[in-house]
Amino acid sequence: MITSLDVKQNSDNTTHVVYTVVFSGTNHQAYGNFDATADEASTAFSGSTKEDMWAGFKQLVLTRLKTEATNALGGGTSE
């Protein structure tokens, strides 16, 4: 579950994302930040729902975590 999410647009048209993710089943917590491309941010904004305006950005964060974890384990890209 994403417990903290902050999104700001940079002057170069990228979007800075700061997040905290808590995996309650294992009591793990991860936090970090990254710059999303304009296309990634546009897709994330379009992913908002009536129930959750941040749904698209949550998906972006979790996808980024999955990709980076897979790469760190030597598995190549996950997407």
C-alpha atoms as a PDB file:
ATOM      1  CA  MET A   1       0.000   0.000   0.000  1.00  0.00           C
ATOM      2  CA  ILE A   2       1.339   3.430  -0.887  1.00  0.00           C
ATOM      3  CA  THR A   3       1.146   5.526   2.267  1.00  0.00           C
ATOM      4  CA  SER A   4       2.776   8.707   0.982  1.00  0.00           C
ATOM      5  CA  LEU A   5       2.878  10.184  -2.513  1.00  0.00           C
ATOM      6  CA  ASP A   6       4.100  13.611  -3.602  1.00  0.00           C
ATOM      7  CA  VAL A   7       4.179  14.700  -7.246  1.00  0.00           C
ATOM      8  CA  LYS A   8       5.690  17.919  -8.620  1.00  0.00           C
ATOM      9  CA  GLN A   9       6.403  19.020 -12.175  1.00  0.00           C
ATOM     10  CA  ASN A  10      10.026  19.900 -12.942  1.00  0.00           C
ATOM     11  CA  SER A  11      11.105  22.762 -15.205  1.00  0.00           C
ATOM     12  CA  ASP A  12      12.276  20.249 -17.855  1.00  0.00           C
ATOM     13  CA  ASN A  13       8.734  18.806 -18.199  1.00  0.00           C
ATOM     14  CA  THR A  14       9.536  15.665 -16.190  1.00  0.00           C
ATOM     15  CA  THR A  15       7.603  14.913 -13.011  1.00  0.00           C
ATOM     16  CA  HIS A  16       9.337  14.319  -9.683  1.00  0.00           C
ATOM     17  CA  VAL A  17       7.653  11.541  -7.682  1.00  0.00           C
ATOM     18  CA  VAL A  18       8.405  10.918  -3.982  1.00  0.00           C
ATOM     19  CA  TYR A  19       6.768   7.894  -2.372  1.00  0.00           C
ATOM     20  CA  THR A  20       6.569   5.541   0.599  1.00  0.00           C
ATOM     21  CA  VAL A  21       5.276   1.994   0.146  1.00  0.00           C
ATOM     22  CA  VAL A  22       4.408  -0.333   3.033  1.00  0.00           C
ATOM     23  CA  PHE A  23       4.058  -4.062   2.471  1.00  0.00           C
ATOM     24  CA  SER A  24       1.899  -4.874   5.490  1.00  0.00           C
ATOM     25  CA  GLY A  25       2.065  -8.660   5.141  1.00  0.00           C
ATOM     26  CA  THR A  26       5.830  -8.632   5.633  1.00  0.00           C
ATOM     27  CA  ASN A  27       6.249  -5.369   7.574  1.00  0.00           C
ATOM     28  CA  HIS A  28       8.590  -4.030   4.874  1.00  0.00           C
ATOM     29  CA  GLN A  29       8.740  -0.359   4.017  1.00  0.00           C
ATOM     30  CA  ALA A  30      10.279   1.174   0.897  1.00  0.00           C
ATOM     31  CA  TYR A  31      10.638   4.799   0.013  1.00  0.00           C
ATOM     32  CA  GLY A  32      12.306   6.742  -2.723  1.00  0.00           C
ATOM     33  CA  ASN A  33      11.954   9.201  -5.539  1.00  0.00           C
ATOM     34  CA  PHE A  34      12.425   9.363  -9.285  1.00  0.00           C
ATOM     35  CA  ASP A  35      11.746  11.601 -12.251  1.00  0.00           C
ATOM     36  CA  ALA A  36       9.027  10.300 -14.553  1.00  0.00           C
ATOM     37  CA  THR A  37       9.052  11.247 -18.218  1.00  0.00           C
ATOM     38  CA  ALA A  38       6.286  13.451 -19.589  1.00  0.00           C
ATOM     39  CA  ASP A  39       4.708  10.377 -21.224  1.00  0.00           C
ATOM     40  CA  GLU A  40       4.830   8.356 -17.984  1.00  0.00           C
ATOM     41  CA  ALA A  41       3.258  11.222 -16.040  1.00  0.00           C
ATOM     42  CA  SER A  42       0.569  11.755 -18.671  1.00  0.00           C
ATOM     43  CA  THR A  43      -0.332   8.065 -18.553  1.00  0.00           C
ATOM     44  CA  ALA A  44      -0.338   8.133 -14.748  1.00  0.00           C
ATOM     45  CA  PHE A  45      -2.633  11.169 -14.621  1.00  0.00           C
ATOM     46  CA  SER A  46      -5.021   9.509 -17.070  1.00  0.00           C
ATOM     47  CA  GLY A  47      -5.131   6.454 -14.782  1.00  0.00           C
ATOM     48  CA  SER A  48      -7.032   8.275 -12.049  1.00  0.00           C
ATOM     49  CA  THR A  49     -10.421   6.885 -11.092  1.00  0.00           C
ATOM     50  CA  LYS A  50     -13.454   8.314  -9.355  1.00  0.00           C
ATOM     51  CA  GLU A  51     -12.508   6.342  -6.248  1.00  0.00           C
ATOM     52  CA  ASP A  52      -8.765   7.098  -6.337  1.00  0.00           C
ATOM     53  CA  MET A  53      -7.362  10.133  -8.113  1.00  0.00           C
ATOM     54  CA  TRP A  54      -3.801   8.805  -7.581  1.00  0.00           C
ATOM     55  CA  ALA A  55      -4.412   5.298  -8.980  1.00  0.00           C
ATOM     56  CA  GLY A  56      -2.272   5.898 -12.070  1.00  0.00           C
ATOM     57  CA  PHE A  57       0.678   7.216 -10.074  1.00  0.00           C
ATOM     58  CA  LYS A  58       0.414   4.328  -7.623  1.00  0.00           C
ATOM     59  CA  GLN A  59       0.641   1.940 -10.573  1.00  0.00           C
ATOM     60  CA  LEU A  60       3.627   3.880 -11.937  1.00  0.00           C
ATOM     61  CA  VAL A  61       5.461   3.638  -8.589  1.00  0.00           C
ATOM     62  CA  LEU A  62       4.776  -0.087  -8.192  1.00  0.00           C
ATOM     63  CA  THR A  63       5.802  -0.806 -11.796  1.00  0.00           C
ATOM     64  CA  ARG A  64       9.022   1.167 -11.302  1.00  0.00           C
ATOM     65  CA  LEU A  65       9.756  -0.765  -8.075  1.00  0.00           C
ATOM     66  CA  LYS A  66       9.119  -4.074  -9.831  1.00  0.00           C
ATOM     67  CA  THR A  67      11.394  -3.185 -12.744  1.00  0.00           C
ATOM     68  CA  GLU A  68      14.220  -1.934 -10.540  1.00  0.00           C
ATOM     69  CA  ALA A  69      13.998  -4.947  -8.193  1.00  0.00           C
ATOM     70  CA  THR A  70      14.073  -7.344 -11.145  1.00  0.00           C
ATOM     71  CA  ASN A  71      17.089  -5.546 -12.617  1.00  0.00           C
ATOM     72  CA  ALA A  72      18.889  -5.573  -9.254  1.00  0.00           C
ATOM     73  CA  LEU A  73      18.407  -9.341  -9.053  1.00  0.00           C
ATOM     74  CA  GLY A  74      19.933  -9.770 -12.502  1.00  0.00           C
ATOM     75  CA  GLY A  75      16.694 -10.680 -14.221  1.00  0.00           C
ATOM     76  CA  GLY A  76      16.696  -7.972 -16.858  1.00  0.00           C
ATOM     77  CA  THR A  77      13.692  -5.762 -17.415  1.00  0.00           C
ATOM     78  CA  SER A  78      10.373  -6.966 -16.079  1.00  0.00           C
ATOM     79  CA  GLU A  79       8.165  -5.037 -18.473  1.00  0.00           C
END
